């Protein structure tokens, strides 16, 4: 799992007003592993649509989409049940963690990283 000091880094991350992107990917079956990139792109397109005509939002989301897309296309951590990715391109922040437990695929964008699923998997004291 994710080391406690890394969880604290994620919890206390300051996006400085930029968007922080959190991605959880379910990869616990051959079907999930095969479709992980397409599932991610579909969810990211929905997030891009959520930016509307805000060029700053669109640029930030697009940068993270490209970084994560490259990682997934290069088969990042495909031998694990799940994958958690945290990215904030404007702050040059990037972390990917293989997970031994399957998680539901989801993408969250906001001022902070979404670490709730990690706390459910392994509560932090």
Protein backbone atom coordinates (compact mmCIF):
# COMPACT_ATOMS: atom_id res chain seq x y z
CA UNK A 1 0.00 0.00 0.00
CA UNK A 2 0.95 3.65 0.15
CA UNK A 3 3.47 4.64 2.84
CA UNK A 4 2.11 6.86 5.63
CA UNK A 5 4.43 9.76 4.76
CA UNK A 6 3.19 9.67 1.14
CA UNK A 7 -0.42 9.73 2.35
CA UNK A 8 0.40 12.78 4.43
CA UNK A 9 1.99 14.45 1.38
CA UNK A 10 -1.18 13.77 -0.61
CA UNK A 11 -3.41 14.98 2.22
CA UNK A 12 -1.51 18.23 2.74
CA UNK A 13 -0.75 18.97 -0.93
CA UNK A 14 -1.23 22.65 -1.81
CA UNK A 15 -2.40 22.99 -5.41
CA UNK A 16 -1.94 26.79 -5.15
CA UNK A 17 -5.28 27.37 -6.83
CA UNK A 18 -4.72 24.83 -9.60
CA UNK A 19 -6.68 21.67 -10.21
CA UNK A 20 -5.56 18.47 -8.49
CA UNK A 21 -6.47 15.32 -10.41
CA UNK A 22 -7.08 12.01 -8.67
CA UNK A 23 -7.59 8.81 -10.65
CA UNK A 24 -8.49 5.39 -9.28
CA UNK A 25 -8.45 2.52 -11.77
CA UNK A 26 -9.85 -0.95 -11.32
CA UNK A 27 -7.53 -3.53 -12.88
CA UNK A 28 -8.46 -6.76 -11.14
CA UNK A 29 -9.43 -8.71 -14.27
CA UNK A 30 -8.13 -9.10 -17.82
CA UNK A 31 -11.12 -7.09 -19.09
CA UNK A 32 -10.44 -4.20 -16.70
CA UNK A 33 -6.72 -4.19 -17.52
CA UNK A 34 -7.44 -4.19 -21.26
CA UNK A 35 -9.91 -1.30 -21.05
CA UNK A 36 -8.17 0.83 -18.40
CA UNK A 37 -6.85 3.42 -20.86
CA UNK A 38 -10.15 3.77 -22.73
CA UNK A 39 -12.09 4.01 -19.44
CA UNK A 40 -9.72 6.73 -18.24
CA UNK A 41 -10.02 8.74 -21.47
CA UNK A 42 -13.82 8.54 -21.36
CA UNK A 43 -13.92 9.86 -17.79
CA UNK A 44 -11.39 12.60 -18.60
CA UNK A 45 -13.44 13.78 -21.58
CA UNK A 46 -16.40 14.20 -19.23
CA UNK A 47 -14.20 16.26 -16.90
CA UNK A 48 -13.04 18.40 -19.83
CA UNK A 49 -16.66 19.05 -20.75
CA UNK A 50 -17.19 20.15 -17.15
CA UNK A 51 -14.65 22.92 -17.72
CA UNK A 52 -17.00 24.54 -20.20
CA UNK A 53 -15.28 27.43 -21.91
CA UNK A 54 -12.80 28.07 -19.07
CA UNK A 55 -9.45 27.93 -20.93
CA UNK A 56 -7.35 27.59 -17.76
CA UNK A 57 -9.38 24.60 -16.57
CA UNK A 58 -9.23 22.97 -19.98
CA UNK A 59 -5.46 23.46 -20.24
CA UNK A 60 -4.78 22.01 -16.79
CA UNK A 61 -7.05 19.01 -17.31
CA UNK A 62 -5.57 18.39 -20.77
CA UNK A 63 -2.01 18.45 -19.39
CA UNK A 64 -2.87 15.86 -16.73
CA UNK A 65 -4.77 13.78 -19.29
CA UNK A 66 -1.68 13.64 -21.52
CA UNK A 67 0.69 12.73 -18.67
CA UNK A 68 -1.53 9.97 -17.31
CA UNK A 69 -2.42 8.75 -20.79
CA UNK A 70 1.26 8.28 -21.62
CA UNK A 71 1.79 6.39 -18.39
CA UNK A 72 -1.17 4.08 -19.01
CA UNK A 73 -0.23 3.46 -22.64
CA UNK A 74 3.19 2.34 -21.44
CA UNK A 75 1.48 -0.32 -19.26
CA UNK A 76 2.03 1.35 -15.91
CA UNK A 77 1.42 -1.09 -13.04
CA UNK A 78 -0.91 -3.40 -14.98
CA UNK A 79 -0.16 -6.41 -12.77
CA UNK A 80 -1.98 -5.06 -9.71
CA UNK A 81 -5.65 -5.09 -8.74
CA UNK A 82 -5.85 -1.32 -8.77
CA UNK A 83 -3.97 1.87 -9.41
CA UNK A 84 -4.14 5.29 -7.77
CA UNK A 85 -2.73 8.31 -9.62
CA UNK A 86 -2.35 11.85 -8.29
CA UNK A 87 -1.39 14.62 -10.68
CA UNK A 88 -1.19 18.40 -10.69
CA UNK A 89 0.72 19.38 -13.82
CA UNK A 90 1.00 23.13 -13.02
CA UNK A 91 2.73 22.24 -9.73
CA UNK A 92 4.83 19.49 -11.38
CA UNK A 93 3.33 16.92 -9.02
CA UNK A 94 2.89 13.31 -10.09
CA UNK A 95 2.51 10.07 -8.13
CA UNK A 96 1.24 6.62 -9.16
CA UNK A 97 0.69 3.83 -6.67
CA UNK A 98 -0.16 0.21 -7.47
CA UNK A 99 -2.87 -1.14 -5.19
CA UNK A 100 -3.19 -4.74 -4.06
CA UNK A 101 -6.95 -4.26 -3.62
CA UNK A 102 -9.38 -3.43 -6.42
CA UNK A 103 -10.95 0.02 -6.36
CA UNK A 104 -13.80 1.39 -8.44
CA UNK A 105 -12.65 3.39 -11.45
CA UNK A 106 -13.21 7.10 -10.89
CA UNK A 107 -11.70 10.48 -11.69
CA UNK A 108 -11.91 13.45 -9.35
CA UNK A 109 -10.78 17.01 -10.05
CA UNK A 110 -10.69 19.69 -7.39
CA UNK A 111 -8.51 21.87 -5.18
CA UNK A 112 -7.20 18.82 -3.27
CA UNK A 113 -6.52 15.16 -3.94
CA UNK A 114 -9.26 12.64 -3.16
CA UNK A 115 -7.65 10.21 -0.72
CA UNK A 116 -10.89 8.90 0.81
CA UNK A 117 -10.69 5.50 -0.96
CA UNK A 118 -7.18 5.04 0.43
CA UNK A 119 -8.36 5.75 3.97
CA UNK A 120 -11.07 3.12 3.55
CA UNK A 121 -8.50 0.58 2.30
CA UNK A 122 -5.99 1.30 5.03
CA UNK A 123 -7.12 3.80 7.70
CA UNK A 124 -4.42 6.25 8.66
CA UNK A 125 -3.86 6.92 12.37
